[in-house]
PDB file of N, CA and C in Angstrom:
ATOM      1  N   MET A   1       4.832  -5.769  -4.081  1.00  0.00           N
ATOM      2  CA  MET A   1       4.683  -4.323  -4.121  1.00  0.00           C
ATOM      3  C   MET A   1       4.869  -3.884  -5.575  1.00  0.00           C
ATOM      4  N   LYS A   2       3.893  -3.251  -6.120  1.00  0.00           N
ATOM      5  CA  LYS A   2       3.916  -2.808  -7.517  1.00  0.00           C
ATOM      6  C   LYS A   2       3.953  -1.280  -7.569  1.00  0.00           C
ATOM      7  N   LEU A   3       4.994  -0.729  -8.203  1.00  0.00           N
ATOM      8  CA  LEU A   3       5.148   0.715  -8.271  1.00  0.00           C
ATOM      9  C   LEU A   3       3.962   1.405  -8.951  1.00  0.00           C
ATOM     10  N   PRO A   4       3.456   0.895 -10.091  1.00  0.00           N
ATOM     11  CA  PRO A   4       2.297   1.570 -10.704  1.00  0.00           C
ATOM     12  C   PRO A   4       1.072   1.604  -9.777  1.00  0.00           C
ATOM     13  N   VAL A   5       0.865   0.529  -9.045  1.00  0.00           N
ATOM     14  CA  VAL A   5      -0.268   0.485  -8.103  1.00  0.00           C
ATOM     15  C   VAL A   5      -0.029   1.467  -6.968  1.00  0.00           C
ATOM     16  N   LEU A   6       1.203   1.497  -6.479  1.00  0.00           N
ATOM     17  CA  LEU A   6       1.572   2.418  -5.406  1.00  0.00           C
ATOM     18  C   LEU A   6       1.366   3.871  -5.832  1.00  0.00           C
ATOM     19  N   LYS A   7       1.775   4.196  -7.061  1.00  0.00           N
ATOM     20  CA  LYS A   7       1.578   5.553  -7.594  1.00  0.00           C
ATOM     21  C   LYS A   7       0.090   5.889  -7.668  1.00  0.00           C
ATOM     22  N   HIS A   8      -0.686   4.945  -8.170  1.00  0.00           N
ATOM     23  CA  HIS A   8      -2.125   5.175  -8.322  1.00  0.00           C
ATOM     24  C   HIS A   8      -2.788   5.395  -6.965  1.00  0.00           C
ATOM     25  N   LEU A   9      -2.452   4.554  -6.004  1.00  0.00           N
ATOM     26  CA  LEU A   9      -3.045   4.690  -4.674  1.00  0.00           C
ATOM     27  C   LEU A   9      -2.610   5.988  -4.000  1.00  0.00           C
ATOM     28  N   THR A  10      -1.353   6.373  -4.193  1.00  0.00           N
ATOM     29  CA  THR A  10      -0.864   7.633  -3.627  1.00  0.00           C
ATOM     30  C   THR A  10      -1.623   8.812  -4.228  1.00  0.00           C
ATOM     31  N   GLN A  11      -1.860   8.756  -5.523  1.00  0.00           N
ATOM     32  CA  GLN A  11      -2.632   9.809  -6.184  1.00  0.00           C
ATOM     33  C   GLN A  11      -4.071   9.817  -5.678  1.00  0.00           C
ATOM     34  N   PHE A  12      -4.623   8.635  -5.464  1.00  0.00           N
ATOM     35  CA  PHE A  12      -5.984   8.526  -4.919  1.00  0.00           C
ATOM     36  C   PHE A  12      -6.077   9.219  -3.562  1.00  0.00           C
ATOM     37  N   ILE A  13      -5.073   9.002  -2.719  1.00  0.00           N
ATOM     38  CA  ILE A  13      -5.064   9.644  -1.399  1.00  0.00           C
ATOM     39  C   ILE A  13      -5.019  11.157  -1.556  1.00  0.00           C
ATOM     40  N   GLU A  14      -4.189  11.637  -2.477  1.00  0.00           N
ATOM     41  CA  GLU A  14      -4.091  13.087  -2.704  1.00  0.00           C
ATOM     42  C   GLU A  14      -5.410  13.664  -3.200  1.00  0.00           C
ATOM     43  N   ASP A  15      -6.072  12.940  -4.083  1.00  0.00           N
ATOM     44  CA  ASP A  15      -7.320  13.422  -4.676  1.00  0.00           C
ATOM     45  C   ASP A  15      -8.514  13.307  -3.731  1.00  0.00           C
ATOM     46  N   ASN A  16      -8.454  12.365  -2.820  1.00  0.00           N
ATOM     47  CA  ASN A  16      -9.587  12.098  -1.947  1.00  0.00           C
ATOM     48  C   ASN A  16      -9.181  12.258  -0.487  1.00  0.00           C
ATOM     49  N   ASP A  17      -8.949  11.164   0.182  1.00  0.00           N
ATOM     50  CA  ASP A  17      -8.596  11.202   1.595  1.00  0.00           C
ATOM     51  C   ASP A  17      -8.010   9.852   1.968  1.00  0.00           C
ATOM     52  N   GLN A  18      -7.037   9.855   2.850  1.00  0.00           N
ATOM     53  CA  GLN A  18      -6.418   8.590   3.240  1.00  0.00           C
ATOM     54  C   GLN A  18      -7.369   7.695   4.032  1.00  0.00           C
ATOM     55  N   ASP A  19      -8.409   8.274   4.593  1.00  0.00           N
ATOM     56  CA  ASP A  19      -9.369   7.473   5.360  1.00  0.00           C
ATOM     57  C   ASP A  19     -10.015   6.380   4.505  1.00  0.00           C
ATOM     58  N   TYR A  20     -10.183   6.648   3.204  1.00  0.00           N
ATOM     59  CA  TYR A  20     -10.744   5.625   2.323  1.00  0.00           C
ATOM     60  C   TYR A  20      -9.854   4.379   2.312  1.00  0.00           C
ATOM     61  N   LEU A  21      -8.539   4.593   2.221  1.00  0.00           N
ATOM     62  CA  LEU A  21      -7.630   3.456   2.210  1.00  0.00           C
ATOM     63  C   LEU A  21      -7.597   2.752   3.559  1.00  0.00           C
ATOM     64  N   VAL A  22      -7.594   3.512   4.621  1.00  0.00           N
ATOM     65  CA  VAL A  22      -7.575   2.922   5.963  1.00  0.00           C
ATOM     66  C   VAL A  22      -8.792   2.024   6.155  1.00  0.00           C
ATOM     67  N   GLU A  23      -9.955   2.502   5.751  1.00  0.00           N
ATOM     68  CA  GLU A  23     -11.174   1.709   5.896  1.00  0.00           C
ATOM     69  C   GLU A  23     -11.172   0.492   4.969  1.00  0.00           C
ATOM     70  N   THR A  24     -10.631   0.649   3.785  1.00  0.00           N
ATOM     71  CA  THR A  24     -10.542  -0.477   2.853  1.00  0.00           C
ATOM     72  C   THR A  24      -9.610  -1.549   3.398  1.00  0.00           C
ATOM     73  N   ILE A  25      -8.502  -1.119   3.996  1.00  0.00           N
ATOM     74  CA  ILE A  25      -7.579  -2.071   4.619  1.00  0.00           C
ATOM     75  C   ILE A  25      -8.290  -2.853   5.707  1.00  0.00           C
ATOM     76  N   GLU A  26      -9.076  -2.166   6.508  1.00  0.00           N
ATOM     77  CA  GLU A  26      -9.818  -2.845   7.580  1.00  0.00           C
ATOM     78  C   GLU A  26     -10.759  -3.908   7.017  1.00  0.00           C
ATOM     79  N   VAL A  27     -11.437  -3.576   5.923  1.00  0.00           N
ATOM     80  CA  VAL A  27     -12.360  -4.535   5.299  1.00  0.00           C
ATOM     81  C   VAL A  27     -11.582  -5.729   4.758  1.00  0.00           C
ATOM     82  N   LEU A  28     -10.482  -5.461   4.050  1.00  0.00           N
ATOM     83  CA  LEU A  28      -9.688  -6.553   3.479  1.00  0.00           C
ATOM     84  C   LEU A  28      -9.083  -7.436   4.574  1.00  0.00           C
ATOM     85  N   GLU A  29      -8.611  -6.824   5.653  1.00  0.00           N
ATOM     86  CA  GLU A  29      -8.078  -7.617   6.761  1.00  0.00           C
ATOM     87  C   GLU A  29      -9.165  -8.505   7.367  1.00  0.00           C
ATOM     88  N   SER A  30     -10.370  -7.990   7.436  1.00  0.00           N
ATOM     89  CA  SER A  30     -11.485  -8.785   7.942  1.00  0.00           C
ATOM     90  C   SER A  30     -11.781  -9.962   7.012  1.00  0.00           C
ATOM     91  N   LEU A  31     -11.680  -9.718   5.715  1.00  0.00           N
ATOM     92  CA  LEU A  31     -11.939 -10.784   4.741  1.00  0.00           C
ATOM     93  C   LEU A  31     -10.948 -11.936   4.860  1.00  0.00           C
ATOM     94  N   THR A  32      -9.745 -11.655   5.312  1.00  0.00           N
ATOM     95  CA  THR A  32      -8.749 -12.728   5.421  1.00  0.00           C
ATOM     96  C   THR A  32      -9.148 -13.783   6.449  1.00  0.00           C
ATOM     97  N   GLU A  33     -10.135 -13.477   7.253  1.00  0.00           N
ATOM     98  CA  GLU A  33     -10.594 -14.421   8.269  1.00  0.00           C
ATOM     99  C   GLU A  33     -11.652 -15.395   7.740  1.00  0.00           C
ATOM    100  N   VAL A  34     -12.074 -15.217   6.505  1.00  0.00           N
ATOM    101  CA  VAL A  34     -13.057 -16.129   5.915  1.00  0.00           C
ATOM    102  C   VAL A  34     -12.367 -17.478   5.681  1.00  0.00           C
ATOM    103  N   PRO A  35     -12.844 -18.538   6.332  1.00  0.00           N
ATOM    104  CA  PRO A  35     -12.138 -19.822   6.259  1.00  0.00           C
ATOM    105  C   PRO A  35     -12.150 -20.486   4.880  1.00  0.00           C
ATOM    106  N   SER A  36     -13.095 -20.142   4.039  1.00  0.00           N
ATOM    107  CA  SER A  36     -13.199 -20.820   2.746  1.00  0.00           C
ATOM    108  C   SER A  36     -12.325 -20.194   1.656  1.00  0.00           C
ATOM    109  N   LEU A  37     -11.607 -19.129   1.969  1.00  0.00           N
ATOM    110  CA  LEU A  37     -10.740 -18.510   0.957  1.00  0.00           C
ATOM    111  C   LEU A  37      -9.558 -19.416   0.636  1.00  0.00           C
ATOM    112  N   LYS A  38      -9.210 -19.460  -0.631  1.00  0.00           N
ATOM    113  CA  LYS A  38      -8.062 -20.245  -1.086  1.00  0.00           C
ATOM    114  C   LYS A  38      -6.786 -19.439  -0.867  1.00  0.00           C
ATOM    115  N   ASP A  39      -5.659 -20.151  -0.876  1.00  0.00           N
ATOM    116  CA  ASP A  39      -4.368 -19.487  -0.682  1.00  0.00           C
ATOM    117  C   ASP A  39      -4.120 -18.391  -1.716  1.00  0.00           C
ATOM    118  N   GLU A  40      -4.485 -18.656  -2.958  1.00  0.00           N
ATOM    119  CA  GLU A  40      -4.282 -17.661  -4.015  1.00  0.00           C
ATOM    120  C   GLU A  40      -5.085 -16.396  -3.742  1.00  0.00           C
ATOM    121  N   GLU A  41      -6.294 -16.567  -3.246  1.00  0.00           N
ATOM    122  CA  GLU A  41      -7.145 -15.426  -2.929  1.00  0.00           C
ATOM    123  C   GLU A  41      -6.563 -14.634  -1.754  1.00  0.00           C
ATOM    124  N   LEU A  42      -6.055 -15.336  -0.765  1.00  0.00           N
ATOM    125  CA  LEU A  42      -5.414 -14.671   0.372  1.00  0.00           C
ATOM    126  C   LEU A  42      -4.160 -13.916  -0.072  1.00  0.00           C
ATOM    127  N   ASP A  43      -3.430 -14.500  -1.024  1.00  0.00           N
ATOM    128  CA  ASP A  43      -2.237 -13.830  -1.546  1.00  0.00           C
ATOM    129  C   ASP A  43      -2.600 -12.504  -2.220  1.00  0.00           C
ATOM    130  N   VAL A  44      -3.673 -12.514  -2.996  1.00  0.00           N
ATOM    131  CA  VAL A  44      -4.117 -11.301  -3.682  1.00  0.00           C
ATOM    132  C   VAL A  44      -4.545 -10.242  -2.664  1.00  0.00           C
ATOM    133  N   ILE A  45      -5.315 -10.653  -1.674  1.00  0.00           N
ATOM    134  CA  ILE A  45      -5.751  -9.715  -0.638  1.00  0.00           C
ATOM    135  C   ILE A  45      -4.535  -9.161   0.104  1.00  0.00           C
ATOM    136  N   GLY A  46      -3.591 -10.032   0.407  1.00  0.00           N
ATOM    137  CA  GLY A  46      -2.373  -9.593   1.087  1.00  0.00           C
ATOM    138  C   GLY A  46      -1.585  -8.593   0.273  1.00  0.00           C
ATOM    139  N   GLU A  47      -1.496  -8.818  -1.027  1.00  0.00           N
ATOM    140  CA  GLU A  47      -0.785  -7.882  -1.906  1.00  0.00           C
ATOM    141  C   GLU A  47      -1.492  -6.528  -1.949  1.00  0.00           C
ATOM    142  N   LEU A  48      -2.815  -6.547  -2.004  1.00  0.00           N
ATOM    143  CA  LEU A  48      -3.572  -5.298  -1.977  1.00  0.00           C
ATOM    144  C   LEU A  48      -3.339  -4.538  -0.675  1.00  0.00           C
ATOM    145  N   ILE A  49      -3.403  -5.242   0.435  1.00  0.00           N
ATOM    146  CA  ILE A  49      -3.182  -4.612   1.737  1.00  0.00           C
ATOM    147  C   ILE A  49      -1.781  -4.022   1.797  1.00  0.00           C
ATOM    148  N   SER A  50      -0.809  -4.781   1.329  1.00  0.00           N
ATOM    149  CA  SER A  50       0.581  -4.331   1.342  1.00  0.00           C
ATOM    150  C   SER A  50       0.759  -3.056   0.525  1.00  0.00           C
ATOM    151  N   ASN A  51       0.168  -3.014  -0.654  1.00  0.00           N
ATOM    152  CA  ASN A  51       0.257  -1.825  -1.494  1.00  0.00           C
ATOM    153  C   ASN A  51      -0.430  -0.625  -0.850  1.00  0.00           C
ATOM    154  N   MET A  52      -1.533  -0.865  -0.185  1.00  0.00           N
ATOM    155  CA  MET A  52      -2.246   0.234   0.468  1.00  0.00           C
ATOM    156  C   MET A  52      -1.455   0.795   1.644  1.00  0.00           C
ATOM    157  N   TYR A  53      -0.864  -0.087   2.439  1.00  0.00           N
ATOM    158  CA  TYR A  53      -0.011   0.394   3.535  1.00  0.00           C
ATOM    159  C   TYR A  53       1.187   1.162   2.970  1.00  0.00           C
ATOM    160  N   GLY A  54       1.725   0.686   1.861  1.00  0.00           N
ATOM    161  CA  GLY A  54       2.837   1.386   1.214  1.00  0.00           C
ATOM    162  C   GLY A  54       2.440   2.773   0.757  1.00  0.00           C
ATOM    163  N   ALA A  55       1.255   2.894   0.164  1.00  0.00           N
ATOM    164  CA  ALA A  55       0.772   4.200  -0.293  1.00  0.00           C
ATOM    165  C   ALA A  55       0.577   5.151   0.885  1.00  0.00           C
ATOM    166  N   LEU A  56       0.102   4.622   2.000  1.00  0.00           N
ATOM    167  CA  LEU A  56      -0.055   5.458   3.196  1.00  0.00           C
ATOM    168  C   LEU A  56       1.309   5.944   3.690  1.00  0.00           C
ATOM    169  N   GLU A  57       2.307   5.084   3.623  1.00  0.00           N
ATOM    170  CA  GLU A  57       3.661   5.459   4.041  1.00  0.00           C
ATOM    171  C   GLU A  57       4.239   6.523   3.110  1.00  0.00           C
ATOM    172  N   VAL A  58       4.058   6.353   1.806  1.00  0.00           N
ATOM    173  CA  VAL A  58       4.544   7.348   0.840  1.00  0.00           C
ATOM    174  C   VAL A  58       3.828   8.677   1.065  1.00  0.00           C
ATOM    175  N   HIS A  59       2.532   8.617   1.283  1.00  0.00           N
ATOM    176  CA  HIS A  59       1.758   9.840   1.536  1.00  0.00           C
ATOM    177  C   HIS A  59       2.283  10.565   2.770  1.00  0.00           C
ATOM    178  N   LYS A  60       2.637   9.809   3.789  1.00  0.00           N
ATOM    179  CA  LYS A  60       3.194  10.396   5.010  1.00  0.00           C
ATOM    180  C   LYS A  60       4.506  11.115   4.708  1.00  0.00           C
ATOM    181  N   MET A  61       5.361  10.491   3.894  1.00  0.00           N
ATOM    182  CA  MET A  61       6.639  11.122   3.533  1.00  0.00           C
ATOM    183  C   MET A  61       6.420  12.412   2.757  1.00  0.00           C
ATOM    184  N   VAL A  62       5.435  12.399   1.867  1.00  0.00           N
ATOM    185  CA  VAL A  62       5.117  13.602   1.077  1.00  0.00           C
ATOM    186  C   VAL A  62       4.584  14.701   1.990  1.00  0.00           C
ATOM    187  N   ARG A  63       3.720  14.342   2.913  1.00  0.00           N
ATOM    188  CA  ARG A  63       3.193  15.328   3.877  1.00  0.00           C
ATOM    189  C   ARG A  63       4.313  15.955   4.705  1.00  0.00           C
ATOM    190  N   GLU A  64       5.345  15.163   4.961  1.00  0.00           N
ATOM    191  CA  GLU A  64       6.467  15.660   5.747  1.00  0.00           C
ATOM    192  C   GLU A  64       7.451  16.479   4.918  1.00  0.00           C
ATOM    193  N   GLY A  65       7.131  16.685   3.620  1.00  0.00           N
ATOM    194  CA  GLY A  65       7.923  17.580   2.798  1.00  0.00           C
ATOM    195  C   GLY A  65       8.746  16.946   1.697  1.00  0.00           C
ATOM    196  N   MET A  66       8.742  15.631   1.594  1.00  0.00           N
ATOM    197  CA  MET A  66       9.520  14.974   0.552  1.00  0.00           C
ATOM    198  C   MET A  66       8.772  15.051  -0.778  1.00  0.00           C
ATOM    199  N   ASP A  67       9.511  15.206  -1.859  1.00  0.00           N
ATOM    200  CA  ASP A  67       8.943  15.186  -3.206  1.00  0.00           C
ATOM    201  C   ASP A  67       8.287  13.821  -3.449  1.00  0.00           C
ATOM    202  N   LYS A  68       7.153  13.824  -4.155  1.00  0.00           N
ATOM    203  CA  LYS A  68       6.391  12.587  -4.357  1.00  0.00           C
ATOM    204  C   LYS A  68       7.232  11.510  -5.046  1.00  0.00           C
ATOM    205  N   LYS A  69       7.929  11.886  -6.120  1.00  0.00           N
ATOM    206  CA  LYS A  69       8.739  10.909  -6.844  1.00  0.00           C
ATOM    207  C   LYS A  69       9.863  10.381  -5.957  1.00  0.00           C
ATOM    208  N   GLU A  70      10.473  11.265  -5.206  1.00  0.00           N
ATOM    209  CA  GLU A  70      11.544  10.882  -4.294  1.00  0.00           C
ATOM    210  C   GLU A  70      11.007   9.940  -3.199  1.00  0.00           C
ATOM    211  N   ALA A  71       9.827  10.244  -2.699  1.00  0.00           N
ATOM    212  CA  ALA A  71       9.213   9.406  -1.661  1.00  0.00           C
ATOM    213  C   ALA A  71       8.909   8.009  -2.204  1.00  0.00           C
ATOM    214  N   LEU A  72       8.372   7.946  -3.411  1.00  0.00           N
ATOM    215  CA  LEU A  72       8.089   6.650  -4.037  1.00  0.00           C
ATOM    216  C   LEU A  72       9.370   5.843  -4.208  1.00  0.00           C
ATOM    217  N   ASN A  73      10.413   6.497  -4.728  1.00  0.00           N
ATOM    218  CA  ASN A  73      11.683   5.806  -4.945  1.00  0.00           C
ATOM    219  C   ASN A  73      12.309   5.347  -3.629  1.00  0.00           C
ATOM    220  N   ALA A  74      12.267   6.207  -2.619  1.00  0.00           N
ATOM    221  CA  ALA A  74      12.832   5.851  -1.316  1.00  0.00           C
ATOM    222  C   ALA A  74      12.094   4.661  -0.718  1.00  0.00           C
ATOM    223  N   PHE A  75      10.778   4.681  -0.837  1.00  0.00           N
ATOM    224  CA  PHE A  75       9.992   3.578  -0.289  1.00  0.00           C
ATOM    225  C   PHE A  75      10.298   2.274  -1.023  1.00  0.00           C
ATOM    226  N   MET A  76      10.363   2.318  -2.348  1.00  0.00           N
ATOM    227  CA  MET A  76      10.641   1.107  -3.124  1.00  0.00           C
ATOM    228  C   MET A  76      12.039   0.573  -2.829  1.00  0.00           C
ATOM    229  N   LYS A  77      13.009   1.457  -2.658  1.00  0.00           N
ATOM    230  CA  LYS A  77      14.368   1.027  -2.295  1.00  0.00           C
ATOM    231  C   LYS A  77      14.344   0.307  -0.953  1.00  0.00           C
ATOM    232  N   ARG A  78      13.585   0.856  -0.015  1.00  0.00           N
ATOM    233  CA  ARG A  78      13.476   0.236   1.308  1.00  0.00           C
ATOM    234  C   ARG A  78      12.839  -1.141   1.207  1.00  0.00           C
ATOM    235  N   VAL A  79      11.791  -1.255   0.397  1.00  0.00           N
ATOM    236  CA  VAL A  79      11.110  -2.550   0.221  1.00  0.00           C
ATOM    237  C   VAL A  79      12.052  -3.553  -0.442  1.00  0.00           C
ATOM    238  N   LEU A  80      12.693  -3.129  -1.517  1.00  0.00           N
ATOM    239  CA  LEU A  80      13.603  -4.050  -2.225  1.00  0.00           C
ATOM    240  C   LEU A  80      14.784  -4.417  -1.352  1.00  0.00           C
ATOM    241  N   GLY A  81      15.250  -3.491  -0.538  1.00  0.00           N
ATOM    242  CA  GLY A  81      16.352  -3.771   0.377  1.00  0.00           C
ATOM    243  C   GLY A  81      15.978  -4.819   1.404  1.00  0.00           C
ATOM    244  N   SER A  82      14.737  -4.761   1.885  1.00  0.00           N
ATOM    245  CA  SER A  82      14.302  -5.744   2.885  1.00  0.00           C
ATOM    246  C   SER A  82      14.090  -7.113   2.250  1.00  0.00           C
ATOM    247  N   ILE A  83      13.782  -7.143   0.961  1.00  0.00           N
ATOM    248  CA  ILE A  83      13.607  -8.425   0.266  1.00  0.00           C
ATOM    249  C   ILE A  83      14.953  -9.091   0.042  1.00  0.00           C
ATOM    250  N   ASP A  84      15.976  -8.288  -0.263  1.00  0.00           N
ATOM    251  CA  ASP A  84      17.309  -8.833  -0.534  1.00  0.00           C
ATOM    252  C   ASP A  84      17.969  -9.435   0.698  1.00  0.00           C
ATOM    253  N   LYS A  85      17.533  -9.043   1.871  1.00  0.00           N
ATOM    254  CA  LYS A  85      18.197  -9.528   3.097  1.00  0.00           C
ATOM    255  C   LYS A  85      17.760 -10.903   3.482  1.00  0.00           C
TER     256      LYS A  85
END
């Protein structure tokens, strides 16, 4: 999970529509089923999907009234907390 990527994707959702990310996630998830992909390629796709789901979660928090910076920080704390366990 990369904070700069998360910020960029969150801004993209604000400027456009979250449906773009939802559809992109669907395409990337479909690509993971290609048998000839290497592990490194799957890792990259997985990281992209993870960041996109994170941006959708941050966007949801902002829609519910949380400040964007606060939502980003709260989400990253939650992610880092789950990694430490």
